[in-house]
Amino acid sequence: MVKSRKVFDLSQLSEFLSCREAAEIGHLHEVTVRRYLAERKLTRYKLGRKTLIRRDEFMSLIRPQEIVAQA
């Protein structure tokens, strides 16, 4: 079985967040971010052992929640 791998340019690393960084930005627990990855609500990118998330994808996921929280 061949695993598909997401390959990206290291110069674009600022477009990515670690699970911890995403949790801090979204005011979420890190377990919640990892649950989003497990439920495939977010795409997981790997750099060695490190799990990364695209910043724009994460922001589009949490943005509707921010609007509801402000209402």
PDB file of N, CA and C in Angstrom:
ATOM      1  N   MET A   1       0.844  -1.176   0.000  1.00  0.00           N
ATOM      2  CA  MET A   1       0.000   0.000   0.000  1.00  0.00           C
ATOM      3  C   MET A   1       0.891   1.241   0.000  1.00  0.00           C
ATOM      4  N   VAL A   2       0.664   2.118  -0.929  1.00  0.00           N
ATOM      5  CA  VAL A   2       1.451   3.340  -1.051  1.00  0.00           C
ATOM      6  C   VAL A   2       0.685   4.478  -0.391  1.00  0.00           C
ATOM      7  N   LYS A   3       1.338   5.139   0.543  1.00  0.00           N
ATOM      8  CA  LYS A   3       0.720   6.283   1.209  1.00  0.00           C
ATOM      9  C   LYS A   3       0.888   7.520   0.347  1.00  0.00           C
ATOM     10  N   SER A   4      -0.169   8.299   0.241  1.00  0.00           N
ATOM     11  CA  SER A   4      -0.026   9.559  -0.484  1.00  0.00           C
ATOM     12  C   SER A   4       0.611  10.575   0.449  1.00  0.00           C
ATOM     13  N   ARG A   5       1.478  11.364  -0.085  1.00  0.00           N
ATOM     14  CA  ARG A   5       2.176  12.356   0.717  1.00  0.00           C
ATOM     15  C   ARG A   5       1.932  13.737   0.146  1.00  0.00           C
ATOM     16  N   LYS A   6       1.674  14.677   1.019  1.00  0.00           N
ATOM     17  CA  LYS A   6       1.536  16.060   0.618  1.00  0.00           C
ATOM     18  C   LYS A   6       2.936  16.659   0.620  1.00  0.00           C
ATOM     19  N   VAL A   7       3.366  17.157  -0.507  1.00  0.00           N
ATOM     20  CA  VAL A   7       4.706  17.734  -0.626  1.00  0.00           C
ATOM     21  C   VAL A   7       4.544  19.231  -0.842  1.00  0.00           C
ATOM     22  N   PHE A   8       5.322  20.023  -0.118  1.00  0.00           N
ATOM     23  CA  PHE A   8       5.238  21.465  -0.262  1.00  0.00           C
ATOM     24  C   PHE A   8       6.624  22.075  -0.184  1.00  0.00           C
ATOM     25  N   ASP A   9       6.734  23.280  -0.682  1.00  0.00           N
ATOM     26  CA  ASP A   9       7.987  24.012  -0.716  1.00  0.00           C
ATOM     27  C   ASP A   9       8.274  24.571   0.680  1.00  0.00           C
ATOM     28  N   LEU A  10       9.460  24.365   1.190  1.00  0.00           N
ATOM     29  CA  LEU A  10       9.802  24.832   2.531  1.00  0.00           C
ATOM     30  C   LEU A  10       9.783  26.350   2.644  1.00  0.00           C
ATOM     31  N   SER A  11       9.899  27.063   1.521  1.00  0.00           N
ATOM     32  CA  SER A  11       9.839  28.525   1.580  1.00  0.00           C
ATOM     33  C   SER A  11       8.433  29.004   1.924  1.00  0.00           C
ATOM     34  N   GLN A  12       7.442  28.135   1.778  1.00  0.00           N
ATOM     35  CA  GLN A  12       6.064  28.487   2.093  1.00  0.00           C
ATOM     36  C   GLN A  12       5.678  28.048   3.500  1.00  0.00           C
ATOM     37  N   LEU A  13       6.648  27.765   4.328  1.00  0.00           N
ATOM     38  CA  LEU A  13       6.383  27.243   5.670  1.00  0.00           C
ATOM     39  C   LEU A  13       5.587  28.214   6.532  1.00  0.00           C
ATOM     40  N   SER A  14       5.653  29.517   6.257  1.00  0.00           N
ATOM     41  CA  SER A  14       4.895  30.488   7.049  1.00  0.00           C
ATOM     42  C   SER A  14       3.395  30.358   6.810  1.00  0.00           C
ATOM     43  N   GLU A  15       2.998  29.661   5.753  1.00  0.00           N
ATOM     44  CA  GLU A  15       1.583  29.436   5.477  1.00  0.00           C
ATOM     45  C   GLU A  15       1.014  28.327   6.340  1.00  0.00           C
ATOM     46  N   PHE A  16       1.854  27.674   7.141  1.00  0.00           N
ATOM     47  CA  PHE A  16       1.435  26.529   7.926  1.00  0.00           C
ATOM     48  C   PHE A  16       1.522  26.820   9.424  1.00  0.00           C
ATOM     49  N   LEU A  17       0.697  26.114  10.177  1.00  0.00           N
ATOM     50  CA  LEU A  17       0.683  26.213  11.639  1.00  0.00           C
ATOM     51  C   LEU A  17       0.885  24.825  12.231  1.00  0.00           C
ATOM     52  N   SER A  18       1.525  24.774  13.380  1.00  0.00           N
ATOM     53  CA  SER A  18       1.554  23.522  14.126  1.00  0.00           C
ATOM     54  C   SER A  18       0.216  23.389  14.851  1.00  0.00           C
ATOM     55  N   CYS A  19      -0.058  22.227  15.390  1.00  0.00           N
ATOM     56  CA  CYS A  19      -1.313  22.027  16.136  1.00  0.00           C
ATOM     57  C   CYS A  19      -1.380  22.972  17.335  1.00  0.00           C
ATOM     58  N   ARG A  20      -0.262  23.168  17.984  1.00  0.00           N
ATOM     59  CA  ARG A  20      -0.226  24.052  19.151  1.00  0.00           C
ATOM     60  C   ARG A  20      -0.499  25.500  18.747  1.00  0.00           C
ATOM     61  N   GLU A  21       0.137  25.959  17.665  1.00  0.00           N
ATOM     62  CA  GLU A  21      -0.085  27.327  17.189  1.00  0.00           C
ATOM     63  C   GLU A  21      -1.539  27.535  16.773  1.00  0.00           C
ATOM     64  N   ALA A  22      -2.105  26.552  16.075  1.00  0.00           N
ATOM     65  CA  ALA A  22      -3.502  26.652  15.653  1.00  0.00           C
ATOM     66  C   ALA A  22      -4.433  26.722  16.863  1.00  0.00           C
ATOM     67  N   ALA A  23      -4.149  25.940  17.878  1.00  0.00           N
ATOM     68  CA  ALA A  23      -4.969  25.951  19.085  1.00  0.00           C
ATOM     69  C   ALA A  23      -4.908  27.320  19.772  1.00  0.00           C
ATOM     70  N   GLU A  24      -3.730  27.912  19.827  1.00  0.00           N
ATOM     71  CA  GLU A  24      -3.588  29.233  20.449  1.00  0.00           C
ATOM     72  C   GLU A  24      -4.329  30.301  19.654  1.00  0.00           C
ATOM     73  N   ILE A  25      -4.201  30.275  18.343  1.00  0.00           N
ATOM     74  CA  ILE A  25      -4.864  31.274  17.499  1.00  0.00           C
ATOM     75  C   ILE A  25      -6.377  31.146  17.600  1.00  0.00           C
ATOM     76  N   GLY A  26      -6.866  29.905  17.571  1.00  0.00           N
ATOM     77  CA  GLY A  26      -8.304  29.677  17.591  1.00  0.00           C
ATOM     78  C   GLY A  26      -8.915  29.632  18.974  1.00  0.00           C
ATOM     79  N   HIS A  27      -8.110  29.837  20.020  1.00  0.00           N
ATOM     80  CA  HIS A  27      -8.576  29.743  21.403  1.00  0.00           C
ATOM     81  C   HIS A  27      -9.258  28.403  21.634  1.00  0.00           C
ATOM     82  N   LEU A  28      -8.579  27.348  21.176  1.00  0.00           N
ATOM     83  CA  LEU A  28      -9.075  25.987  21.299  1.00  0.00           C
ATOM     84  C   LEU A  28      -8.051  25.162  22.060  1.00  0.00           C
ATOM     85  N   HIS A  29      -8.468  23.987  22.496  1.00  0.00           N
ATOM     86  CA  HIS A  29      -7.530  23.052  23.091  1.00  0.00           C
ATOM     87  C   HIS A  29      -6.833  22.312  21.958  1.00  0.00           C
ATOM     88  N   GLU A  30      -5.592  21.933  22.154  1.00  0.00           N
ATOM     89  CA  GLU A  30      -4.838  21.228  21.112  1.00  0.00           C
ATOM     90  C   GLU A  30      -5.519  19.916  20.726  1.00  0.00           C
ATOM     91  N   VAL A  31      -6.185  19.270  21.679  1.00  0.00           N
ATOM     92  CA  VAL A  31      -6.914  18.027  21.395  1.00  0.00           C
ATOM     93  C   VAL A  31      -8.039  18.285  20.392  1.00  0.00           C
ATOM     94  N   THR A  32      -8.674  19.440  20.474  1.00  0.00           N
ATOM     95  CA  THR A  32      -9.745  19.791  19.535  1.00  0.00           C
ATOM     96  C   THR A  32      -9.194  19.922  18.130  1.00  0.00           C
ATOM     97  N   VAL A  33      -8.039  20.539  17.991  1.00  0.00           N
ATOM     98  CA  VAL A  33      -7.407  20.681  16.669  1.00  0.00           C
ATOM     99  C   VAL A  33      -7.066  19.303  16.116  1.00  0.00           C
ATOM    100  N   ARG A  34      -6.538  18.433  16.946  1.00  0.00           N
ATOM    101  CA  ARG A  34      -6.201  17.078  16.500  1.00  0.00           C
ATOM    102  C   ARG A  34      -7.461  16.285  16.148  1.00  0.00           C
ATOM    103  N   ARG A  35      -8.556  16.552  16.831  1.00  0.00           N
ATOM    104  CA  ARG A  35      -9.826  15.909  16.504  1.00  0.00           C
ATOM    105  C   ARG A  35     -10.304  16.363  15.119  1.00  0.00           C
ATOM    106  N   TYR A  36     -10.143  17.645  14.816  1.00  0.00           N
ATOM    107  CA  TYR A  36     -10.491  18.148  13.483  1.00  0.00           C
ATOM    108  C   TYR A  36      -9.677  17.419  12.413  1.00  0.00           C
ATOM    109  N   LEU A  37      -8.415  17.138  12.703  1.00  0.00           N
ATOM    110  CA  LEU A  37      -7.576  16.395  11.765  1.00  0.00           C
ATOM    111  C   LEU A  37      -8.081  14.962  11.611  1.00  0.00           C
ATOM    112  N   ALA A  38      -8.424  14.321  12.714  1.00  0.00           N
ATOM    113  CA  ALA A  38      -8.913  12.944  12.671  1.00  0.00           C
ATOM    114  C   ALA A  38     -10.245  12.842  11.934  1.00  0.00           C
ATOM    115  N   GLU A  39     -11.084  13.850  12.078  1.00  0.00           N
ATOM    116  CA  GLU A  39     -12.385  13.870  11.401  1.00  0.00           C
ATOM    117  C   GLU A  39     -12.275  14.368   9.962  1.00  0.00           C
ATOM    118  N   ARG A  40     -11.048  14.684   9.541  1.00  0.00           N
ATOM    119  CA  ARG A  40     -10.742  15.169   8.194  1.00  0.00           C
ATOM    120  C   ARG A  40     -11.435  16.490   7.875  1.00  0.00           C
ATOM    121  N   LYS A  41     -11.655  17.299   8.889  1.00  0.00           N
ATOM    122  CA  LYS A  41     -12.139  18.659   8.665  1.00  0.00           C
ATOM    123  C   LYS A  41     -10.971  19.552   8.257  1.00  0.00           C
ATOM    124  N   LEU A  42      -9.768  19.118   8.594  1.00  0.00           N
ATOM    125  CA  LEU A  42      -8.531  19.796   8.208  1.00  0.00           C
ATOM    126  C   LEU A  42      -7.616  18.793   7.527  1.00  0.00           C
ATOM    127  N   THR A  43      -6.785  19.281   6.626  1.00  0.00           N
ATOM    128  CA  THR A  43      -5.814  18.437   5.940  1.00  0.00           C
ATOM    129  C   THR A  43      -4.516  18.427   6.734  1.00  0.00           C
ATOM    130  N   ARG A  44      -3.965  17.241   6.931  1.00  0.00           N
ATOM    131  CA  ARG A  44      -2.721  17.075   7.683  1.00  0.00           C
ATOM    132  C   ARG A  44      -1.546  17.078   6.712  1.00  0.00           C
ATOM    133  N   TYR A  45      -0.547  17.896   7.003  1.00  0.00           N
ATOM    134  CA  TYR A  45       0.704  17.924   6.252  1.00  0.00           C
ATOM    135  C   TYR A  45       1.798  17.532   7.222  1.00  0.00           C
ATOM    136  N   LYS A  46       2.710  16.688   6.786  1.00  0.00           N
ATOM    137  CA  LYS A  46       3.766  16.214   7.661  1.00  0.00           C
ATOM    138  C   LYS A  46       5.113  16.756   7.208  1.00  0.00           C
ATOM    139  N   LEU A  47       5.904  17.181   8.169  1.00  0.00           N
ATOM    140  CA  LEU A  47       7.285  17.580   7.945  1.00  0.00           C
ATOM    141  C   LEU A  47       8.090  16.797   8.974  1.00  0.00           C
ATOM    142  N   GLY A  48       8.587  15.645   8.550  1.00  0.00           N
ATOM    143  CA  GLY A  48       9.213  14.740   9.502  1.00  0.00           C
ATOM    144  C   GLY A  48       8.142  14.208  10.443  1.00  0.00           C
ATOM    145  N   ARG A  49       8.336  14.411  11.741  1.00  0.00           N
ATOM    146  CA  ARG A  49       7.345  13.976  12.729  1.00  0.00           C
ATOM    147  C   ARG A  49       6.332  15.064  13.052  1.00  0.00           C
ATOM    148  N   LYS A  50       6.561  16.249  12.534  1.00  0.00           N
ATOM    149  CA  LYS A  50       5.719  17.393  12.868  1.00  0.00           C
ATOM    150  C   LYS A  50       4.476  17.437  11.988  1.00  0.00           C
ATOM    151  N   THR A  51       3.322  17.652  12.596  1.00  0.00           N
ATOM    152  CA  THR A  51       2.063  17.801  11.877  1.00  0.00           C
ATOM    153  C   THR A  51       1.796  19.278  11.665  1.00  0.00           C
ATOM    154  N   LEU A  52       1.498  19.651  10.419  1.00  0.00           N
ATOM    155  CA  LEU A  52       1.235  21.040  10.077  1.00  0.00           C
ATOM    156  C   LEU A  52      -0.146  21.170   9.454  1.00  0.00           C
ATOM    157  N   ILE A  53      -0.717  22.359   9.584  1.00  0.00           N
ATOM    158  CA  ILE A  53      -2.043  22.673   9.061  1.00  0.00           C
ATOM    159  C   ILE A  53      -1.910  23.965   8.267  1.00  0.00           C
ATOM    160  N   ARG A  54      -2.585  24.036   7.112  1.00  0.00           N
ATOM    161  CA  ARG A  54      -2.565  25.281   6.333  1.00  0.00           C
ATOM    162  C   ARG A  54      -3.313  26.366   7.103  1.00  0.00           C
ATOM    163  N   ARG A  55      -2.681  27.524   7.230  1.00  0.00           N
ATOM    164  CA  ARG A  55      -3.248  28.640   7.982  1.00  0.00           C
ATOM    165  C   ARG A  55      -4.607  29.066   7.417  1.00  0.00           C
ATOM    166  N   ASP A  56      -4.705  29.221   6.097  1.00  0.00           N
ATOM    167  CA  ASP A  56      -5.966  29.680   5.499  1.00  0.00           C
ATOM    168  C   ASP A  56      -7.088  28.658   5.663  1.00  0.00           C
ATOM    169  N   GLU A  57      -6.764  27.378   5.597  1.00  0.00           N
ATOM    170  CA  GLU A  57      -7.768  26.329   5.795  1.00  0.00           C
ATOM    171  C   GLU A  57      -8.287  26.346   7.239  1.00  0.00           C
ATOM    172  N   PHE A  58      -7.378  26.521   8.187  1.00  0.00           N
ATOM    173  CA  PHE A  58      -7.775  26.573   9.596  1.00  0.00           C
ATOM    174  C   PHE A  58      -8.630  27.799   9.882  1.00  0.00           C
ATOM    175  N   MET A  59      -8.226  28.946   9.329  1.00  0.00           N
ATOM    176  CA  MET A  59      -8.982  30.168   9.572  1.00  0.00           C
ATOM    177  C   MET A  59     -10.385  30.086   8.983  1.00  0.00           C
ATOM    178  N   SER A  60     -10.530  29.456   7.828  1.00  0.00           N
ATOM    179  CA  SER A  60     -11.859  29.321   7.231  1.00  0.00           C
ATOM    180  C   SER A  60     -12.724  28.357   8.030  1.00  0.00           C
ATOM    181  N   LEU A  61     -12.107  27.410   8.740  1.00  0.00           N
ATOM    182  CA  LEU A  61     -12.867  26.478   9.573  1.00  0.00           C
ATOM    183  C   LEU A  61     -13.374  27.151  10.843  1.00  0.00           C
ATOM    184  N   ILE A  62     -12.536  27.972  11.475  1.00  0.00           N
ATOM    185  CA  ILE A  62     -12.935  28.559  12.753  1.00  0.00           C
ATOM    186  C   ILE A  62     -13.673  29.889  12.601  1.00  0.00           C
ATOM    187  N   ARG A  63     -13.579  30.531  11.464  1.00  0.00           N
ATOM    188  CA  ARG A  63     -14.213  31.834  11.275  1.00  0.00           C
ATOM    189  C   ARG A  63     -15.718  31.815  11.560  1.00  0.00           C
ATOM    190  N   PRO A  64     -16.503  30.840  11.071  1.00  0.00           N
ATOM    191  CA  PRO A  64     -17.930  30.818  11.399  1.00  0.00           C
ATOM    192  C   PRO A  64     -18.191  30.697  12.904  1.00  0.00           C
ATOM    193  N   GLN A  65     -17.342  29.996  13.625  1.00  0.00           N
ATOM    194  CA  GLN A  65     -17.505  29.853  15.069  1.00  0.00           C
ATOM    195  C   GLN A  65     -17.285  31.178  15.770  1.00  0.00           C
ATOM    196  N   GLU A  66     -16.354  31.999  15.289  1.00  0.00           N
ATOM    197  CA  GLU A  66     -16.098  33.301  15.883  1.00  0.00           C
ATOM    198  C   GLU A  66     -17.314  34.212  15.736  1.00  0.00           C
ATOM    199  N   ILE A  67     -17.978  34.152  14.585  1.00  0.00           N
ATOM    200  CA  ILE A  67     -19.146  34.982  14.339  1.00  0.00           C
ATOM    201  C   ILE A  67     -20.279  34.601  15.287  1.00  0.00           C
ATOM    202  N   VAL A  68     -20.479  33.306  15.488  1.00  0.00           N
ATOM    203  CA  VAL A  68     -21.524  32.828  16.403  1.00  0.00           C
ATOM    204  C   VAL A  68     -21.189  33.237  17.834  1.00  0.00           C
ATOM    205  N   ALA A  69     -19.932  33.162  18.207  1.00  0.00           N
ATOM    206  CA  ALA A  69     -19.530  33.507  19.573  1.00  0.00           C
ATOM    207  C   ALA A  69     -19.738  34.999  19.865  1.00  0.00           C
ATOM    208  N   GLN A  70     -19.607  35.856  18.864  1.00  0.00           N
ATOM    209  CA  GLN A  70     -19.773  37.295  19.067  1.00  0.00           C
ATOM    210  C   GLN A  70     -21.229  37.690  19.147  1.00  0.00           C
ATOM    211  N   ALA A  71     -22.131  36.901  18.571  1.00  0.00           N
ATOM    212  CA  ALA A  71     -23.562  37.271  18.537  1.00  0.00           C
ATOM    213  C   ALA A  71     -24.228  37.144  19.892  1.00  0.00           C
TER     214      ALA A  71
END
